[in-house]
Amino acid sequence: MSPTGSAFRVLDERSPMDGAAAIALGYGSLYNHSALPRARYHKNFPAGVVEFVAAHDIAAGCEITVDYTDGGTNELWFPQ
Protein backbone atom coordinates (compact mmCIF):
# COMPACT_ATOMS: atom_id res chain seq x y z
CA MET A 1 0.00 0.00 0.00
CA SER A 2 1.19 3.49 -0.80
CA PRO A 3 2.06 5.62 2.25
CA THR A 4 -0.28 8.30 0.87
CA GLY A 5 -3.09 6.11 -0.38
CA SER A 6 -5.12 2.97 -0.20
CA ALA A 7 -4.75 -0.13 -2.30
CA PHE A 8 -7.75 -1.10 -4.34
CA ARG A 9 -9.05 -4.35 -5.72
CA VAL A 10 -10.30 -4.36 -9.30
CA LEU A 11 -13.64 -6.11 -9.59
CA ASP A 12 -13.81 -6.04 -13.36
CA GLU A 13 -10.93 -6.81 -15.71
CA ARG A 14 -12.02 -4.30 -18.38
CA SER A 15 -9.94 -1.20 -18.99
CA PRO A 16 -10.64 1.59 -16.42
CA MET A 17 -11.90 3.67 -19.33
CA ASP A 18 -14.47 0.94 -20.11
CA GLY A 19 -16.26 1.33 -16.78
CA ALA A 20 -14.29 -1.14 -14.68
CA ALA A 21 -15.06 -1.10 -10.97
CA ALA A 22 -12.83 -1.24 -7.90
CA ILE A 23 -13.14 -1.09 -4.12
CA ALA A 24 -10.83 1.11 -2.04
CA LEU A 25 -9.22 -0.78 0.82
CA GLY A 26 -7.72 0.66 4.00
CA TYR A 27 -8.70 4.15 5.15
CA GLY A 28 -9.87 5.13 1.66
CA SER A 29 -13.08 3.20 2.19
CA LEU A 30 -13.92 5.34 5.25
CA TYR A 31 -13.83 8.83 3.71
CA ASN A 32 -17.28 10.37 3.25
CA HIS A 33 -18.45 12.57 0.37
CA SER A 34 -18.50 16.35 0.48
CA ALA A 35 -18.98 18.91 -2.29
CA LEU A 36 -16.39 20.93 -0.32
CA PRO A 37 -13.86 18.18 0.37
CA ARG A 38 -10.92 18.37 2.75
CA ALA A 39 -8.92 15.92 0.59
CA ARG A 40 -8.52 14.97 -3.05
CA TYR A 41 -7.83 11.59 -4.59
CA HIS A 42 -5.95 10.34 -7.63
CA LYS A 43 -6.47 6.87 -9.11
CA ASN A 44 -3.10 5.34 -9.99
CA PHE A 45 -4.15 2.25 -11.94
CA PRO A 46 -0.64 0.97 -12.83
CA ALA A 47 0.38 1.00 -9.15
CA GLY A 48 -3.02 -0.29 -7.97
CA VAL A 49 -3.52 2.54 -5.48
CA VAL A 50 -5.75 5.51 -4.85
CA GLU A 51 -3.69 8.38 -3.46
CA PHE A 52 -5.37 10.76 -1.00
CA VAL A 53 -3.90 14.24 -0.42
CA ALA A 54 -5.18 16.97 1.89
CA ALA A 55 -6.66 19.89 -0.05
CA HIS A 56 -5.70 22.18 2.86
CA ASP A 57 -4.71 21.83 6.50
CA ILE A 58 -7.11 19.54 8.36
CA ALA A 59 -7.46 20.23 12.06
CA ALA A 60 -7.26 17.36 14.53
CA GLY A 61 -10.71 15.87 15.05
CA CYS A 62 -12.08 17.05 11.68
CA GLU A 63 -13.43 14.43 9.30
CA ILE A 64 -11.48 13.69 6.12
CA THR A 65 -13.89 14.01 3.18
CA VAL A 66 -13.49 13.64 -0.58
CA ASP A 67 -15.63 14.61 -3.57
CA TYR A 68 -17.03 11.31 -4.88
CA THR A 69 -18.02 13.07 -8.13
CA ASP A 70 -14.38 13.84 -9.02
CA GLY A 71 -15.15 17.52 -9.61
CA GLY A 72 -18.59 16.84 -11.05
CA THR A 73 -17.45 14.37 -13.73
CA ASN A 74 -19.15 11.38 -12.01
CA GLU A 75 -22.74 11.14 -10.83
CA LEU A 76 -23.49 10.29 -7.21
CA TRP A 77 -25.28 6.98 -6.71
CA PHE A 78 -27.20 8.29 -3.67
CA PRO A 79 -29.38 11.37 -3.02
CA GLN A 80 -27.86 14.34 -1.23
PDB file of N, CA and C in Angstrom:
ATOM      1  N   MET A   1       0.842  -1.175   0.000  1.00  0.00           N
ATOM      2  CA  MET A   1       0.000   0.000   0.000  1.00  0.00           C
ATOM      3  C   MET A   1       0.888   1.239   0.000  1.00  0.00           C
ATOM      4  N   SER A   2       0.472   2.221  -0.747  1.00  0.00           N
ATOM      5  CA  SER A   2       1.194   3.487  -0.803  1.00  0.00           C
ATOM      6  C   SER A   2       1.093   4.203   0.533  1.00  0.00           C
ATOM      7  N   PRO A   3       2.153   4.897   0.977  1.00  0.00           N
ATOM      8  CA  PRO A   3       2.062   5.625   2.246  1.00  0.00           C
ATOM      9  C   PRO A   3       1.050   6.759   2.197  1.00  0.00           C
ATOM     10  N   THR A   4       0.669   7.197   0.984  1.00  0.00           N
ATOM     11  CA  THR A   4      -0.284   8.300   0.868  1.00  0.00           C
ATOM     12  C   THR A   4      -1.641   7.840   0.373  1.00  0.00           C
ATOM     13  N   GLY A   5      -1.839   6.550   0.212  1.00  0.00           N
ATOM     14  CA  GLY A   5      -3.094   6.111  -0.378  1.00  0.00           C
ATOM     15  C   GLY A   5      -3.568   4.785   0.144  1.00  0.00           C
ATOM     16  N   SER A   6      -4.540   4.251  -0.539  1.00  0.00           N
ATOM     17  CA  SER A   6      -5.120   2.971  -0.202  1.00  0.00           C
ATOM     18  C   SER A   6      -5.034   2.078  -1.421  1.00  0.00           C
ATOM     19  N   ALA A   7      -4.722   0.826  -1.199  1.00  0.00           N
ATOM     20  CA  ALA A   7      -4.753  -0.128  -2.296  1.00  0.00           C
ATOM     21  C   ALA A   7      -6.197  -0.334  -2.713  1.00  0.00           C
ATOM     22  N   PHE A   8      -6.396  -0.771  -3.941  1.00  0.00           N
ATOM     23  CA  PHE A   8      -7.753  -1.099  -4.345  1.00  0.00           C
ATOM     24  C   PHE A   8      -7.760  -2.418  -5.062  1.00  0.00           C
ATOM     25  N   ARG A   9      -8.892  -3.064  -5.051  1.00  0.00           N
ATOM     26  CA  ARG A   9      -9.051  -4.345  -5.725  1.00  0.00           C
ATOM     27  C   ARG A   9      -9.966  -4.134  -6.912  1.00  0.00           C
ATOM     28  N   VAL A  10      -9.492  -4.497  -8.090  1.00  0.00           N
ATOM     29  CA  VAL A  10     -10.297  -4.357  -9.303  1.00  0.00           C
ATOM     30  C   VAL A  10     -11.306  -5.493  -9.348  1.00  0.00           C
ATOM     31  N   LEU A  11     -12.564  -5.126  -9.543  1.00  0.00           N
ATOM     32  CA  LEU A  11     -13.642  -6.110  -9.586  1.00  0.00           C
ATOM     33  C   LEU A  11     -13.991  -6.529 -11.010  1.00  0.00           C
ATOM     34  N   ASP A  12     -13.462  -5.809 -11.972  1.00  0.00           N
ATOM     35  CA  ASP A  12     -13.807  -6.041 -13.359  1.00  0.00           C
ATOM     36  C   ASP A  12     -12.533  -5.882 -14.178  1.00  0.00           C
ATOM     37  N   GLU A  13     -12.198  -6.821 -14.997  1.00  0.00           N
ATOM     38  CA  GLU A  13     -10.928  -6.808 -15.713  1.00  0.00           C
ATOM     39  C   GLU A  13     -10.916  -5.912 -16.941  1.00  0.00           C
ATOM     40  N   ARG A  14     -12.021  -5.219 -17.243  1.00  0.00           N
ATOM     41  CA  ARG A  14     -12.021  -4.304 -18.383  1.00  0.00           C
ATOM     42  C   ARG A  14     -11.102  -3.126 -18.100  1.00  0.00           C
ATOM     43  N   SER A  15     -10.748  -2.414 -19.135  1.00  0.00           N
ATOM     44  CA  SER A  15      -9.943  -1.201 -18.987  1.00  0.00           C
ATOM     45  C   SER A  15     -10.685  -0.215 -18.099  1.00  0.00           C
ATOM     46  N   PRO A  16      -9.972   0.572 -17.248  1.00  0.00           N
ATOM     47  CA  PRO A  16     -10.636   1.585 -16.420  1.00  0.00           C
ATOM     48  C   PRO A  16     -11.497   2.538 -17.245  1.00  0.00           C
ATOM     49  N   MET A  17     -11.116   2.775 -18.473  1.00  0.00           N
ATOM     50  CA  MET A  17     -11.897   3.667 -19.330  1.00  0.00           C
ATOM     51  C   MET A  17     -13.169   2.995 -19.828  1.00  0.00           C
ATOM     52  N   ASP A  18     -13.293   1.678 -19.680  1.00  0.00           N
ATOM     53  CA  ASP A  18     -14.474   0.936 -20.110  1.00  0.00           C
ATOM     54  C   ASP A  18     -15.469   0.725 -18.975  1.00  0.00           C
ATOM     55  N   GLY A  19     -15.315   1.439 -17.876  1.00  0.00           N
ATOM     56  CA  GLY A  19     -16.260   1.332 -16.781  1.00  0.00           C
ATOM     57  C   GLY A  19     -15.927   0.260 -15.770  1.00  0.00           C
ATOM     58  N   ALA A  20     -14.676  -0.148 -15.672  1.00  0.00           N
ATOM     59  CA  ALA A  20     -14.289  -1.140 -14.679  1.00  0.00           C
ATOM     60  C   ALA A  20     -14.563  -0.612 -13.283  1.00  0.00           C
ATOM     61  N   ALA A  21     -14.753  -1.491 -12.342  1.00  0.00           N
ATOM     62  CA  ALA A  21     -15.061  -1.102 -10.968  1.00  0.00           C
ATOM     63  C   ALA A  21     -13.955  -1.566 -10.034  1.00  0.00           C
ATOM     64  N   ALA A  22     -13.821  -0.864  -8.910  1.00  0.00           N
ATOM     65  CA  ALA A  22     -12.832  -1.236  -7.901  1.00  0.00           C
ATOM     66  C   ALA A  22     -13.355  -0.834  -6.533  1.00  0.00           C
ATOM     67  N   ILE A  23     -12.801  -1.434  -5.496  1.00  0.00           N
ATOM     68  CA  ILE A  23     -13.144  -1.093  -4.121  1.00  0.00           C
ATOM     69  C   ILE A  23     -11.882  -0.585  -3.441  1.00  0.00           C
ATOM     70  N   ALA A  24     -11.969   0.593  -2.809  1.00  0.00           N
ATOM     71  CA  ALA A  24     -10.833   1.112  -2.042  1.00  0.00           C
ATOM     72  C   ALA A  24     -10.700   0.304  -0.759  1.00  0.00           C
ATOM     73  N   LEU A  25      -9.489  -0.070  -0.421  1.00  0.00           N
ATOM     74  CA  LEU A  25      -9.216  -0.780   0.820  1.00  0.00           C
ATOM     75  C   LEU A  25      -8.524   0.166   1.785  1.00  0.00           C
ATOM     76  N   GLY A  26      -8.380  -0.206   3.025  1.00  0.00           N
ATOM     77  CA  GLY A  26      -7.724   0.662   4.001  1.00  0.00           C
ATOM     78  C   GLY A  26      -8.593   1.868   4.343  1.00  0.00           C
ATOM     79  N   TYR A  27      -7.967   2.961   4.736  1.00  0.00           N
ATOM     80  CA  TYR A  27      -8.704   4.153   5.151  1.00  0.00           C
ATOM     81  C   TYR A  27      -9.534   4.761   4.028  1.00  0.00           C
ATOM     82  N   GLY A  28      -9.136   4.550   2.781  1.00  0.00           N
ATOM     83  CA  GLY A  28      -9.869   5.131   1.656  1.00  0.00           C
ATOM     84  C   GLY A  28     -11.329   4.760   1.634  1.00  0.00           C
ATOM     85  N   SER A  29     -11.685   3.619   2.176  1.00  0.00           N
ATOM     86  CA  SER A  29     -13.084   3.198   2.193  1.00  0.00           C
ATOM     87  C   SER A  29     -13.893   3.911   3.278  1.00  0.00           C
ATOM     88  N   LEU A  30     -13.232   4.670   4.140  1.00  0.00           N
ATOM     89  CA  LEU A  30     -13.920   5.341   5.248  1.00  0.00           C
ATOM     90  C   LEU A  30     -14.235   6.806   4.975  1.00  0.00           C
ATOM     91  N   TYR A  31     -13.655   7.402   3.949  1.00  0.00           N
ATOM     92  CA  TYR A  31     -13.828   8.831   3.710  1.00  0.00           C
ATOM     93  C   TYR A  31     -15.206   9.108   3.107  1.00  0.00           C
ATOM     94  N   ASN A  32     -15.954  10.004   3.720  1.00  0.00           N
ATOM     95  CA  ASN A  32     -17.285  10.372   3.252  1.00  0.00           C
ATOM     96  C   ASN A  32     -17.218  11.428   2.166  1.00  0.00           C
ATOM     97  N   HIS A  33     -18.335  11.585   1.447  1.00  0.00           N
ATOM     98  CA  HIS A  33     -18.446  12.568   0.370  1.00  0.00           C
ATOM     99  C   HIS A  33     -18.723  13.962   0.916  1.00  0.00           C
ATOM    100  N   SER A  34     -18.157  14.952   0.239  1.00  0.00           N
ATOM    101  CA  SER A  34     -18.499  16.349   0.483  1.00  0.00           C
ATOM    102  C   SER A  34     -18.268  17.107  -0.812  1.00  0.00           C
ATOM    103  N   ALA A  35     -19.182  18.033  -1.140  1.00  0.00           N
ATOM    104  CA  ALA A  35     -18.984  18.910  -2.292  1.00  0.00           C
ATOM    105  C   ALA A  35     -17.852  19.896  -2.019  1.00  0.00           C
ATOM    106  N   LEU A  36     -17.516  20.090  -0.742  1.00  0.00           N
ATOM    107  CA  LEU A  36     -16.394  20.930  -0.324  1.00  0.00           C
ATOM    108  C   LEU A  36     -15.412  20.045   0.440  1.00  0.00           C
ATOM    109  N   PRO A  37     -14.692  19.189  -0.279  1.00  0.00           N
ATOM    110  CA  PRO A  37     -13.861  18.175   0.375  1.00  0.00           C
ATOM    111  C   PRO A  37     -12.621  18.744   1.053  1.00  0.00           C
ATOM    112  N   ARG A  38     -12.162  18.017   2.058  1.00  0.00           N
ATOM    113  CA  ARG A  38     -10.918  18.367   2.746  1.00  0.00           C
ATOM    114  C   ARG A  38      -9.720  17.651   2.119  1.00  0.00           C
ATOM    115  N   ALA A  39      -9.983  16.662   1.257  1.00  0.00           N
ATOM    116  CA  ALA A  39      -8.915  15.916   0.592  1.00  0.00           C
ATOM    117  C   ALA A  39      -9.316  15.639  -0.856  1.00  0.00           C
ATOM    118  N   ARG A  40      -8.315  15.355  -1.655  1.00  0.00           N
ATOM    119  CA  ARG A  40      -8.521  14.971  -3.052  1.00  0.00           C
ATOM    120  C   ARG A  40      -7.957  13.567  -3.235  1.00  0.00           C
ATOM    121  N   TYR A  41      -8.384  12.912  -4.308  1.00  0.00           N
ATOM    122  CA  TYR A  41      -7.827  11.594  -4.593  1.00  0.00           C
ATOM    123  C   TYR A  41      -7.399  11.496  -6.049  1.00  0.00           C
ATOM    124  N   HIS A  42      -6.448  10.616  -6.295  1.00  0.00           N
ATOM    125  CA  HIS A  42      -5.955  10.336  -7.635  1.00  0.00           C
ATOM    126  C   HIS A  42      -5.884   8.831  -7.788  1.00  0.00           C
ATOM    127  N   LYS A  43      -6.498   8.313  -8.838  1.00  0.00           N
ATOM    128  CA  LYS A  43      -6.468   6.871  -9.106  1.00  0.00           C
ATOM    129  C   LYS A  43      -5.221   6.545  -9.908  1.00  0.00           C
ATOM    130  N   ASN A  44      -4.329   5.753  -9.333  1.00  0.00           N
ATOM    131  CA  ASN A  44      -3.101   5.339  -9.986  1.00  0.00           C
ATOM    132  C   ASN A  44      -3.264   3.867 -10.362  1.00  0.00           C
ATOM    133  N   PHE A  45      -3.843   3.615 -11.533  1.00  0.00           N
ATOM    134  CA  PHE A  45      -4.146   2.248 -11.944  1.00  0.00           C
ATOM    135  C   PHE A  45      -2.909   1.369 -12.087  1.00  0.00           C
ATOM    136  N   PRO A  46      -1.807   1.850 -12.703  1.00  0.00           N
ATOM    137  CA  PRO A  46      -0.638   0.967 -12.831  1.00  0.00           C
ATOM    138  C   PRO A  46      -0.087   0.493 -11.484  1.00  0.00           C
ATOM    139  N   ALA A  47      -0.135   1.369 -10.471  1.00  0.00           N
ATOM    140  CA  ALA A  47       0.380   0.997  -9.151  1.00  0.00           C
ATOM    141  C   ALA A  47      -0.679   0.289  -8.303  1.00  0.00           C
ATOM    142  N   GLY A  48      -1.943   0.342  -8.729  1.00  0.00           N
ATOM    143  CA  GLY A  48      -3.018  -0.290  -7.968  1.00  0.00           C
ATOM    144  C   GLY A  48      -3.345   0.430  -6.682  1.00  0.00           C
ATOM    145  N   VAL A  49      -3.217   1.763  -6.678  1.00  0.00           N
ATOM    146  CA  VAL A  49      -3.523   2.537  -5.478  1.00  0.00           C
ATOM    147  C   VAL A  49      -4.370   3.762  -5.814  1.00  0.00           C
ATOM    148  N   VAL A  50      -5.082   4.216  -4.806  1.00  0.00           N
ATOM    149  CA  VAL A  50      -5.752   5.505  -4.849  1.00  0.00           C
ATOM    150  C   VAL A  50      -5.006   6.375  -3.852  1.00  0.00           C
ATOM    151  N   GLU A  51      -4.472   7.487  -4.320  1.00  0.00           N
ATOM    152  CA  GLU A  51      -3.687   8.376  -3.460  1.00  0.00           C
ATOM    153  C   GLU A  51      -4.574   9.503  -2.951  1.00  0.00           C
ATOM    154  N   PHE A  52      -4.593   9.705  -1.639  1.00  0.00           N
ATOM    155  CA  PHE A  52      -5.369  10.764  -1.000  1.00  0.00           C
ATOM    156  C   PHE A  52      -4.413  11.839  -0.503  1.00  0.00           C
ATOM    157  N   VAL A  53      -4.737  13.105  -0.809  1.00  0.00           N
ATOM    158  CA  VAL A  53      -3.901  14.237  -0.423  1.00  0.00           C
ATOM    159  C   VAL A  53      -4.801  15.314   0.152  1.00  0.00           C
ATOM    160  N   ALA A  54      -4.402  15.887   1.279  1.00  0.00           N
ATOM    161  CA  ALA A  54      -5.182  16.966   1.892  1.00  0.00           C
ATOM    162  C   ALA A  54      -5.267  18.149   0.938  1.00  0.00           C
ATOM    163  N   ALA A  55      -6.464  18.712   0.791  1.00  0.00           N
ATOM    164  CA  ALA A  55      -6.660  19.893  -0.046  1.00  0.00           C
ATOM    165  C   ALA A  55      -6.181  21.153   0.675  1.00  0.00           C
ATOM    166  N   HIS A  56      -6.164  21.086   1.990  1.00  0.00           N
ATOM    167  CA  HIS A  56      -5.697  22.177   2.858  1.00  0.00           C
ATOM    168  C   HIS A  56      -5.439  21.573   4.229  1.00  0.00           C
ATOM    169  N   ASP A  57      -4.937  22.355   5.153  1.00  0.00           N
ATOM    170  CA  ASP A  57      -4.708  21.830   6.501  1.00  0.00           C
ATOM    171  C   ASP A  57      -6.017  21.304   7.080  1.00  0.00           C
ATOM    172  N   ILE A  58      -5.943  20.153   7.724  1.00  0.00           N
ATOM    173  CA  ILE A  58      -7.115  19.540   8.358  1.00  0.00           C
ATOM    174  C   ILE A  58      -6.837  19.484   9.850  1.00  0.00           C
ATOM    175  N   ALA A  59      -7.653  20.172  10.623  1.00  0.00           N
ATOM    176  CA  ALA A  59      -7.460  20.228  12.064  1.00  0.00           C
ATOM    177  C   ALA A  59      -7.727  18.863  12.696  1.00  0.00           C
ATOM    178  N   ALA A  60      -7.034  18.595  13.786  1.00  0.00           N
ATOM    179  CA  ALA A  60      -7.257  17.357  14.535  1.00  0.00           C
ATOM    180  C   ALA A  60      -8.730  17.255  14.911  1.00  0.00           C
ATOM    181  N   GLY A  61      -9.311  16.092  14.709  1.00  0.00           N
ATOM    182  CA  GLY A  61     -10.713  15.869  15.048  1.00  0.00           C
ATOM    183  C   GLY A  61     -11.673  16.149  13.905  1.00  0.00           C
ATOM    184  N   CYS A  62     -11.215  16.796  12.835  1.00  0.00           N
ATOM    185  CA  CYS A  62     -12.079  17.051  11.679  1.00  0.00           C
ATOM    186  C   CYS A  62     -12.114  15.816  10.773  1.00  0.00           C
ATOM    187  N   GLU A  63     -13.263  15.580  10.182  1.00  0.00           N
ATOM    188  CA  GLU A  63     -13.433  14.430   9.298  1.00  0.00           C
ATOM    189  C   GLU A  63     -12.703  14.667   7.970  1.00  0.00           C
ATOM    190  N   ILE A  64     -12.066  13.628   7.450  1.00  0.00           N
ATOM    191  CA  ILE A  64     -11.481  13.687   6.119  1.00  0.00           C
ATOM    192  C   ILE A  64     -12.589  13.330   5.134  1.00  0.00           C
ATOM    193  N   THR A  65     -12.858  14.236   4.191  1.00  0.00           N
ATOM    194  CA  THR A  65     -13.888  14.008   3.183  1.00  0.00           C
ATOM    195  C   THR A  65     -13.274  14.167   1.798  1.00  0.00           C
ATOM    196  N   VAL A  66     -13.906  13.519   0.812  1.00  0.00           N
ATOM    197  CA  VAL A  66     -13.495  13.635  -0.585  1.00  0.00           C
ATOM    198  C   VAL A  66     -14.736  13.870  -1.438  1.00  0.00           C
ATOM    199  N   ASP A  67     -14.529  14.395  -2.622  1.00  0.00           N
ATOM    200  CA  ASP A  67     -15.625  14.608  -3.568  1.00  0.00           C
ATOM    201  C   ASP A  67     -15.782  13.348  -4.407  1.00  0.00           C
ATOM    202  N   TYR A  68     -16.817  12.551  -4.146  1.00  0.00           N
ATOM    203  CA  TYR A  68     -17.032  11.310  -4.881  1.00  0.00           C
ATOM    204  C   TYR A  68     -17.277  11.563  -6.368  1.00  0.00           C
ATOM    205  N   THR A  69     -17.700  12.783  -6.724  1.00  0.00           N
ATOM    206  CA  THR A  69     -18.020  13.068  -8.125  1.00  0.00           C
ATOM    207  C   THR A  69     -16.796  13.436  -8.947  1.00  0.00           C
ATOM    208  N   ASP A  70     -15.624  13.498  -8.313  1.00  0.00           N
ATOM    209  CA  ASP A  70     -14.384  13.843  -9.015  1.00  0.00           C
ATOM    210  C   ASP A  70     -14.539  15.165  -9.762  1.00  0.00           C
ATOM    211  N   GLY A  71     -14.980  16.191  -9.024  1.00  0.00           N
ATOM    212  CA  GLY A  71     -15.148  17.518  -9.610  1.00  0.00           C
ATOM    213  C   GLY A  71     -16.375  17.656 -10.487  1.00  0.00           C
ATOM    214  N   GLY A  72     -17.357  16.791 -10.277  1.00  0.00           N
ATOM    215  CA  GLY A  72     -18.594  16.844 -11.053  1.00  0.00           C
ATOM    216  C   GLY A  72     -18.587  15.972 -12.296  1.00  0.00           C
ATOM    217  N   THR A  73     -17.516  15.215 -12.526  1.00  0.00           N
ATOM    218  CA  THR A  73     -17.454  14.370 -13.727  1.00  0.00           C
ATOM    219  C   THR A  73     -18.147  13.025 -13.537  1.00  0.00           C
ATOM    220  N   ASN A  74     -18.431  12.625 -12.306  1.00  0.00           N
ATOM    221  CA  ASN A  74     -19.150  11.381 -12.010  1.00  0.00           C
ATOM    222  C   ASN A  74     -20.436  11.716 -11.272  1.00  0.00           C
ATOM    223  N   GLU A  75     -21.490  10.950 -11.557  1.00  0.00           N
ATOM    224  CA  GLU A  75     -22.737  11.144 -10.833  1.00  0.00           C
ATOM    225  C   GLU A  75     -22.692  10.419  -9.498  1.00  0.00           C
ATOM    226  N   LEU A  76     -23.334  10.986  -8.484  1.00  0.00           N
ATOM    227  CA  LEU A  76     -23.486  10.290  -7.206  1.00  0.00           C
ATOM    228  C   LEU A  76     -24.518   9.197  -7.350  1.00  0.00           C
ATOM    229  N   TRP A  77     -24.342   8.096  -6.641  1.00  0.00           N
ATOM    230  CA  TRP A  77     -25.282   6.978  -6.707  1.00  0.00           C
ATOM    231  C   TRP A  77     -26.278   7.029  -5.554  1.00  0.00           C
ATOM    232  N   PHE A  78     -26.268   8.130  -4.803  1.00  0.00           N
ATOM    233  CA  PHE A  78     -27.196   8.290  -3.672  1.00  0.00           C
ATOM    234  C   PHE A  78     -27.682   9.743  -3.651  1.00  0.00           C
ATOM    235  N   PRO A  79     -28.877   9.979  -3.096  1.00  0.00           N
ATOM    236  CA  PRO A  79     -29.378  11.365  -3.018  1.00  0.00           C
ATOM    237  C   PRO A  79     -28.635  12.174  -1.966  1.00  0.00           C
ATOM    238  N   GLN A  80     -28.526  13.457  -2.216  1.00  0.00           N
ATOM    239  CA  GLN A  80     -27.856  14.338  -1.229  1.00  0.00           C
ATOM    240  C   GLN A  80     -28.869  14.955  -0.308  1.00  0.00           C
TER     241      GLN A  80
END
